[in-house]
PDB file of N, CA and C in Angstrom:
ATOM      1  N   MET A   1      -3.147  12.395   6.000  1.00  0.00           N
ATOM      2  CA  MET A   1      -2.977  11.015   5.615  1.00  0.00           C
ATOM      3  C   MET A   1      -3.182  10.911   4.108  1.00  0.00           C
ATOM      4  N   LYS A   2      -2.349  10.081   3.483  1.00  0.00           N
ATOM      5  CA  LYS A   2      -2.447   9.881   2.040  1.00  0.00           C
ATOM      6  C   LYS A   2      -2.292   8.411   1.707  1.00  0.00           C
ATOM      7  N   ARG A   3      -3.076   7.986   0.713  1.00  0.00           N
ATOM      8  CA  ARG A   3      -2.930   6.628   0.196  1.00  0.00           C
ATOM      9  C   ARG A   3      -1.733   6.614  -0.752  1.00  0.00           C
ATOM     10  N   VAL A   4      -0.859   5.634  -0.562  1.00  0.00           N
ATOM     11  CA  VAL A   4       0.331   5.550  -1.418  1.00  0.00           C
ATOM     12  C   VAL A   4       0.428   4.229  -2.170  1.00  0.00           C
ATOM     13  N   PHE A   5      -0.415   3.254  -1.814  1.00  0.00           N
ATOM     14  CA  PHE A   5      -0.317   1.951  -2.466  1.00  0.00           C
ATOM     15  C   PHE A   5      -1.612   1.185  -2.283  1.00  0.00           C
ATOM     16  N   THR A   6      -1.994   0.454  -3.297  1.00  0.00           N
ATOM     17  CA  THR A   6      -3.132  -0.456  -3.209  1.00  0.00           C
ATOM     18  C   THR A   6      -2.798  -1.710  -3.997  1.00  0.00           C
ATOM     19  N   ALA A   7      -3.322  -2.845  -3.558  1.00  0.00           N
ATOM     20  CA  ALA A   7      -3.019  -4.121  -4.206  1.00  0.00           C
ATOM     21  C   ALA A   7      -4.193  -5.073  -4.003  1.00  0.00           C
ATOM     22  N   PRO A   8      -4.271  -6.101  -4.833  1.00  0.00           N
ATOM     23  CA  PRO A   8      -5.386  -7.040  -4.700  1.00  0.00           C
ATOM     24  C   PRO A   8      -5.306  -7.946  -3.480  1.00  0.00           C
ATOM     25  N   THR A   9      -4.125  -8.051  -2.859  1.00  0.00           N
ATOM     26  CA  THR A   9      -4.007  -8.927  -1.688  1.00  0.00           C
ATOM     27  C   THR A   9      -3.471  -8.166  -0.479  1.00  0.00           C
ATOM     28  N   VAL A  10      -3.914  -8.587   0.667  1.00  0.00           N
ATOM     29  CA  VAL A  10      -3.461  -7.971   1.913  1.00  0.00           C
ATOM     30  C   VAL A  10      -1.981  -8.270   2.151  1.00  0.00           C
ATOM     31  N   THR A  11      -1.505  -9.381   1.643  1.00  0.00           N
ATOM     32  CA  THR A  11      -0.090  -9.732   1.791  1.00  0.00           C
ATOM     33  C   THR A  11       0.799  -8.677   1.148  1.00  0.00           C
ATOM     34  N   GLU A  12       0.441  -8.254  -0.059  1.00  0.00           N
ATOM     35  CA  GLU A  12       1.224  -7.223  -0.748  1.00  0.00           C
ATOM     36  C   GLU A  12       1.221  -5.904   0.019  1.00  0.00           C
ATOM     37  N   THR A  13       0.064  -5.558   0.580  1.00  0.00           N
ATOM     38  CA  THR A  13      -0.008  -4.294   1.302  1.00  0.00           C
ATOM     39  C   THR A  13       0.812  -4.346   2.586  1.00  0.00           C
ATOM     40  N   TYR A  14       0.802  -5.489   3.268  1.00  0.00           N
ATOM     41  CA  TYR A  14       1.618  -5.600   4.479  1.00  0.00           C
ATOM     42  C   TYR A  14       3.106  -5.578   4.151  1.00  0.00           C
ATOM     43  N   LEU A  15       3.484  -6.161   3.029  1.00  0.00           N
ATOM     44  CA  LEU A  15       4.877  -6.096   2.604  1.00  0.00           C
ATOM     45  C   LEU A  15       5.293  -4.640   2.382  1.00  0.00           C
ATOM     46  N   MET A  16       4.460  -3.893   1.655  1.00  0.00           N
ATOM     47  CA  MET A  16       4.790  -2.502   1.366  1.00  0.00           C
ATOM     48  C   MET A  16       4.779  -1.663   2.638  1.00  0.00           C
ATOM     49  N   LYS A  17       3.843  -1.914   3.526  1.00  0.00           N
ATOM     50  CA  LYS A  17       3.801  -1.204   4.812  1.00  0.00           C
ATOM     51  C   LYS A  17       5.097  -1.451   5.582  1.00  0.00           C
ATOM     52  N   GLY A  18       5.558  -2.688   5.606  1.00  0.00           N
ATOM     53  CA  GLY A  18       6.789  -3.020   6.303  1.00  0.00           C
ATOM     54  C   GLY A  18       8.006  -2.340   5.692  1.00  0.00           C
ATOM     55  N   ILE A  19       8.032  -2.273   4.369  1.00  0.00           N
ATOM     56  CA  ILE A  19       9.146  -1.600   3.690  1.00  0.00           C
ATOM     57  C   ILE A  19       9.159  -0.118   4.050  1.00  0.00           C
ATOM     58  N   LEU A  20       7.999   0.517   4.013  1.00  0.00           N
ATOM     59  CA  LEU A  20       7.916   1.940   4.357  1.00  0.00           C
ATOM     60  C   LEU A  20       8.330   2.173   5.810  1.00  0.00           C
ATOM     61  N   GLU A  21       7.836   1.334   6.707  1.00  0.00           N
ATOM     62  CA  GLU A  21       8.174   1.506   8.122  1.00  0.00           C
ATOM     63  C   GLU A  21       9.668   1.274   8.372  1.00  0.00           C
ATOM     64  N   SER A  22      10.291   0.376   7.595  1.00  0.00           N
ATOM     65  CA  SER A  22      11.726   0.163   7.765  1.00  0.00           C
ATOM     66  C   SER A  22      12.525   1.396   7.322  1.00  0.00           C
ATOM     67  N   GLU A  23      11.886   2.258   6.529  1.00  0.00           N
ATOM     68  CA  GLU A  23      12.497   3.516   6.091  1.00  0.00           C
ATOM     69  C   GLU A  23      12.078   4.688   6.979  1.00  0.00           C
ATOM     70  N   GLY A  24      11.360   4.380   8.065  1.00  0.00           N
ATOM     71  CA  GLY A  24      10.975   5.416   9.022  1.00  0.00           C
ATOM     72  C   GLY A  24       9.686   6.145   8.691  1.00  0.00           C
ATOM     73  N   ILE A  25       8.890   5.591   7.779  1.00  0.00           N
ATOM     74  CA  ILE A  25       7.625   6.226   7.399  1.00  0.00           C
ATOM     75  C   ILE A  25       6.479   5.481   8.078  1.00  0.00           C
ATOM     76  N   GLU A  26       5.723   6.192   8.906  1.00  0.00           N
ATOM     77  CA  GLU A  26       4.604   5.575   9.616  1.00  0.00           C
ATOM     78  C   GLU A  26       3.459   5.310   8.634  1.00  0.00           C
ATOM     79  N   ALA A  27       3.008   4.062   8.582  1.00  0.00           N
ATOM     80  CA  ALA A  27       1.981   3.656   7.622  1.00  0.00           C
ATOM     81  C   ALA A  27       0.952   2.749   8.294  1.00  0.00           C
ATOM     82  N   PHE A  28      -0.218   2.647   7.664  1.00  0.00           N
ATOM     83  CA  PHE A  28      -1.240   1.732   8.154  1.00  0.00           C
ATOM     84  C   PHE A  28      -2.053   1.208   6.978  1.00  0.00           C
ATOM     85  N   ILE A  29      -2.803   0.137   7.225  1.00  0.00           N
ATOM     86  CA  ILE A  29      -3.592  -0.535   6.192  1.00  0.00           C
ATOM     87  C   ILE A  29      -5.059  -0.165   6.355  1.00  0.00           C
ATOM     88  N   LYS A  30      -5.701   0.180   5.241  1.00  0.00           N
ATOM     89  CA  LYS A  30      -7.159   0.366   5.199  1.00  0.00           C
ATOM     90  C   LYS A  30      -7.748  -0.719   4.298  1.00  0.00           C
ATOM     91  N   ASN A  31      -8.996  -1.035   4.501  1.00  0.00           N
ATOM     92  CA  ASN A  31      -9.744  -2.020   3.697  1.00  0.00           C
ATOM     93  C   ASN A  31      -9.190  -3.432   3.853  1.00  0.00           C
ATOM     94  N   GLU A  32      -8.526  -3.691   4.941  1.00  0.00           N
ATOM     95  CA  GLU A  32      -7.905  -4.999   5.158  1.00  0.00           C
ATOM     96  C   GLU A  32      -8.923  -6.138   5.114  1.00  0.00           C
ATOM     97  N   HIS A  33     -10.123  -5.890   5.578  1.00  0.00           N
ATOM     98  CA  HIS A  33     -11.118  -6.954   5.690  1.00  0.00           C
ATOM     99  C   HIS A  33     -12.262  -6.826   4.690  1.00  0.00           C
ATOM    100  N   LEU A  34     -12.073  -6.027   3.653  1.00  0.00           N
ATOM    101  CA  LEU A  34     -13.161  -5.816   2.691  1.00  0.00           C
ATOM    102  C   LEU A  34     -13.175  -6.808   1.545  1.00  0.00           C
ATOM    103  N   SER A  35     -12.208  -7.697   1.456  1.00  0.00           N
ATOM    104  CA  SER A  35     -12.161  -8.612   0.322  1.00  0.00           C
ATOM    105  C   SER A  35     -13.426  -9.469   0.242  1.00  0.00           C
ATOM    106  N   GLY A  36     -14.087  -9.683   1.357  1.00  0.00           N
ATOM    107  CA  GLY A  36     -15.335 -10.440   1.363  1.00  0.00           C
ATOM    108  C   GLY A  36     -16.470  -9.727   0.646  1.00  0.00           C
ATOM    109  N   LEU A  37     -16.305  -8.437   0.419  1.00  0.00           N
ATOM    110  CA  LEU A  37     -17.336  -7.669  -0.285  1.00  0.00           C
ATOM    111  C   LEU A  37     -17.130  -7.656  -1.797  1.00  0.00           C
ATOM    112  N   ALA A  38     -16.035  -8.236  -2.260  1.00  0.00           N
ATOM    113  CA  ALA A  38     -15.778  -8.258  -3.700  1.00  0.00           C
ATOM    114  C   ALA A  38     -16.979  -8.882  -4.396  1.00  0.00           C
ATOM    115  N   GLY A  39     -17.450  -8.225  -5.413  1.00  0.00           N
ATOM    116  CA  GLY A  39     -18.670  -8.650  -6.095  1.00  0.00           C
ATOM    117  C   GLY A  39     -19.854  -7.805  -5.676  1.00  0.00           C
ATOM    118  N   GLU A  40     -19.840  -7.343  -4.440  1.00  0.00           N
ATOM    119  CA  GLU A  40     -20.897  -6.469  -3.930  1.00  0.00           C
ATOM    120  C   GLU A  40     -20.560  -5.005  -4.217  1.00  0.00           C
ATOM    121  N   VAL A  41     -19.276  -4.696  -4.204  1.00  0.00           N
ATOM    122  CA  VAL A  41     -18.787  -3.353  -4.513  1.00  0.00           C
ATOM    123  C   VAL A  41     -17.759  -3.515  -5.637  1.00  0.00           C
ATOM    124  N   PRO A  42     -17.454  -2.450  -6.361  1.00  0.00           N
ATOM    125  CA  PRO A  42     -16.428  -2.575  -7.400  1.00  0.00           C
ATOM    126  C   PRO A  42     -15.154  -3.178  -6.807  1.00  0.00           C
ATOM    127  N   PHE A  43     -14.555  -4.143  -7.533  1.00  0.00           N
ATOM    128  CA  PHE A  43     -13.459  -4.921  -6.956  1.00  0.00           C
ATOM    129  C   PHE A  43     -12.303  -4.069  -6.468  1.00  0.00           C
ATOM    130  N   MET A  44     -11.953  -3.007  -7.178  1.00  0.00           N
ATOM    131  CA  MET A  44     -10.827  -2.185  -6.729  1.00  0.00           C
ATOM    132  C   MET A  44     -11.167  -1.379  -5.481  1.00  0.00           C
ATOM    133  N   ASP A  45     -12.433  -1.142  -5.222  1.00  0.00           N
ATOM    134  CA  ASP A  45     -12.830  -0.427  -4.008  1.00  0.00           C
ATOM    135  C   ASP A  45     -12.675  -1.300  -2.767  1.00  0.00           C
ATOM    136  N   SER A  46     -12.547  -2.596  -2.967  1.00  0.00           N
ATOM    137  CA  SER A  46     -12.396  -3.490  -1.815  1.00  0.00           C
ATOM    138  C   SER A  46     -10.955  -3.941  -1.621  1.00  0.00           C
ATOM    139  N   TRP A  47     -10.031  -3.465  -2.456  1.00  0.00           N
ATOM    140  CA  TRP A  47      -8.620  -3.828  -2.303  1.00  0.00           C
ATOM    141  C   TRP A  47      -8.024  -3.149  -1.073  1.00  0.00           C
ATOM    142  N   PRO A  48      -7.134  -3.843  -0.371  1.00  0.00           N
ATOM    143  CA  PRO A  48      -6.454  -3.207   0.763  1.00  0.00           C
ATOM    144  C   PRO A  48      -5.527  -2.095   0.276  1.00  0.00           C
ATOM    145  N   GLU A  49      -5.355  -1.083   1.116  1.00  0.00           N
ATOM    146  CA  GLU A  49      -4.573   0.104   0.766  1.00  0.00           C
ATOM    147  C   GLU A  49      -3.559   0.415   1.864  1.00  0.00           C
ATOM    148  N   VAL A  50      -2.420   0.959   1.458  1.00  0.00           N
ATOM    149  CA  VAL A  50      -1.421   1.457   2.410  1.00  0.00           C
ATOM    150  C   VAL A  50      -1.534   2.969   2.427  1.00  0.00           C
ATOM    151  N   TRP A  51      -1.708   3.514   3.612  1.00  0.00           N
ATOM    152  CA  TRP A  51      -1.786   4.953   3.829  1.00  0.00           C
ATOM    153  C   TRP A  51      -0.637   5.367   4.735  1.00  0.00           C
ATOM    154  N   ILE A  52      -0.148   6.571   4.522  1.00  0.00           N
ATOM    155  CA  ILE A  52       0.884   7.103   5.413  1.00  0.00           C
ATOM    156  C   ILE A  52       0.276   8.210   6.264  1.00  0.00           C
ATOM    157  N   VAL A  53       0.837   8.399   7.434  1.00  0.00           N
ATOM    158  CA  VAL A  53       0.312   9.363   8.395  1.00  0.00           C
ATOM    159  C   VAL A  53       0.709  10.793   8.020  1.00  0.00           C
ATOM    160  N   ASP A  54       1.949  10.989   7.634  1.00  0.00           N
ATOM    161  CA  ASP A  54       2.477  12.328   7.362  1.00  0.00           C
ATOM    162  C   ASP A  54       2.445  12.615   5.857  1.00  0.00           C
ATOM    163  N   ASP A  55       1.560  13.509   5.440  1.00  0.00           N
ATOM    164  CA  ASP A  55       1.431  13.867   4.020  1.00  0.00           C
ATOM    165  C   ASP A  55       2.746  14.333   3.409  1.00  0.00           C
ATOM    166  N   ALA A  56       3.587  14.952   4.206  1.00  0.00           N
ATOM    167  CA  ALA A  56       4.858  15.472   3.705  1.00  0.00           C
ATOM    168  C   ALA A  56       5.790  14.355   3.240  1.00  0.00           C
ATOM    169  N   GLU A  57       5.539  13.129   3.666  1.00  0.00           N
ATOM    170  CA  GLU A  57       6.377  11.996   3.277  1.00  0.00           C
ATOM    171  C   GLU A  57       5.841  11.245   2.063  1.00  0.00           C
ATOM    172  N   ALA A  58       4.766  11.741   1.457  1.00  0.00           N
ATOM    173  CA  ALA A  58       4.106  11.021   0.360  1.00  0.00           C
ATOM    174  C   ALA A  58       5.031  10.785  -0.826  1.00  0.00           C
ATOM    175  N   GLU A  59       5.742  11.801  -1.266  1.00  0.00           N
ATOM    176  CA  GLU A  59       6.619  11.641  -2.429  1.00  0.00           C
ATOM    177  C   GLU A  59       7.744  10.653  -2.128  1.00  0.00           C
ATOM    178  N   HIS A  60       8.312  10.740  -0.929  1.00  0.00           N
ATOM    179  CA  HIS A  60       9.365   9.806  -0.530  1.00  0.00           C
ATOM    180  C   HIS A  60       8.818   8.377  -0.493  1.00  0.00           C
ATOM    181  N   ALA A  61       7.631   8.206   0.077  1.00  0.00           N
ATOM    182  CA  ALA A  61       7.014   6.881   0.154  1.00  0.00           C
ATOM    183  C   ALA A  61       6.768   6.314  -1.244  1.00  0.00           C
ATOM    184  N   LYS A  62       6.239   7.135  -2.143  1.00  0.00           N
ATOM    185  CA  LYS A  62       5.985   6.662  -3.509  1.00  0.00           C
ATOM    186  C   LYS A  62       7.286   6.297  -4.218  1.00  0.00           C
ATOM    187  N   ALA A  63       8.348   7.040  -3.963  1.00  0.00           N
ATOM    188  CA  ALA A  63       9.654   6.727  -4.568  1.00  0.00           C
ATOM    189  C   ALA A  63      10.174   5.379  -4.058  1.00  0.00           C
ATOM    190  N   ILE A  64      10.007   5.114  -2.782  1.00  0.00           N
ATOM    191  CA  ILE A  64      10.429   3.833  -2.198  1.00  0.00           C
ATOM    192  C   ILE A  64       9.644   2.693  -2.843  1.00  0.00           C
ATOM    193  N   ILE A  65       8.343   2.875  -2.972  1.00  0.00           N
ATOM    194  CA  ILE A  65       7.487   1.858  -3.584  1.00  0.00           C
ATOM    195  C   ILE A  65       7.883   1.630  -5.039  1.00  0.00           C
ATOM    196  N   ASP A  66       8.092   2.706  -5.776  1.00  0.00           N
ATOM    197  CA  ASP A  66       8.499   2.596  -7.185  1.00  0.00           C
ATOM    198  C   ASP A  66       9.822   1.855  -7.315  1.00  0.00           C
ATOM    199  N   ASP A  67      10.787   2.196  -6.470  1.00  0.00           N
ATOM    200  CA  ASP A  67      12.088   1.516  -6.506  1.00  0.00           C
ATOM    201  C   ASP A  67      11.933   0.026  -6.238  1.00  0.00           C
ATOM    202  N   TYR A  68      11.103  -0.318  -5.265  1.00  0.00           N
ATOM    203  CA  TYR A  68      10.883  -1.724  -4.935  1.00  0.00           C
ATOM    204  C   TYR A  68      10.240  -2.453  -6.114  1.00  0.00           C
ATOM    205  N   GLN A  69       9.207  -1.861  -6.690  1.00  0.00           N
ATOM    206  CA  GLN A  69       8.513  -2.500  -7.808  1.00  0.00           C
ATOM    207  C   GLN A  69       9.415  -2.608  -9.035  1.00  0.00           C
ATOM    208  N   ARG A  70      10.225  -1.617  -9.272  1.00  0.00           N
ATOM    209  CA  ARG A  70      11.153  -1.645 -10.391  1.00  0.00           C
ATOM    210  C   ARG A  70      12.151  -2.801 -10.199  1.00  0.00           C
ATOM    211  N   GLY A  71      12.599  -3.007  -8.982  1.00  0.00           N
ATOM    212  CA  GLY A  71      13.505  -4.108  -8.672  1.00  0.00           C
ATOM    213  C   GLY A  71      12.880  -5.463  -8.936  1.00  0.00           C
ATOM    214  N   LEU A  72      11.586  -5.591  -8.664  1.00  0.00           N
ATOM    215  CA  LEU A  72      10.892  -6.860  -8.925  1.00  0.00           C
ATOM    216  C   LEU A  72      10.813  -7.142 -10.428  1.00  0.00           C
ATOM    217  N   LYS A  73      10.607  -6.107 -11.215  1.00  0.00           N
ATOM    218  CA  LYS A  73      10.469  -6.292 -12.661  1.00  0.00           C
ATOM    219  C   LYS A  73      11.776  -6.709 -13.298  1.00  0.00           C
ATOM    220  N   SER A  74      12.896  -6.390 -12.664  1.00  0.00           N
ATOM    221  CA  SER A  74      14.190  -6.739 -13.247  1.00  0.00           C
ATOM    222  C   SER A  74      14.606  -8.182 -12.927  1.00  0.00           C
ATOM    223  N   LEU A  75      13.833  -8.855 -12.057  1.00  0.00           N
ATOM    224  CA  LEU A  75      14.187 -10.243 -11.705  1.00  0.00           C
ATOM    225  C   LEU A  75      13.892 -11.210 -12.831  1.00  0.00           C
TER     226      LEU A  75
END
């Protein structure tokens, strides 16, 4: 399992998880409920994360994420 994405909101992580799954990459969310600890732990440690199950798909997953983010910046 590898972490491929992290964001300050759970909404962003679910969006990215859905995009990866639509490309056939099995993914799941970690730290989904840790936002309540912000202030108690370093803020980035409580951000939700997208992890993929198959390490061999990590580069492909990161490329999909990069392409998506690049598309947002061009809007």
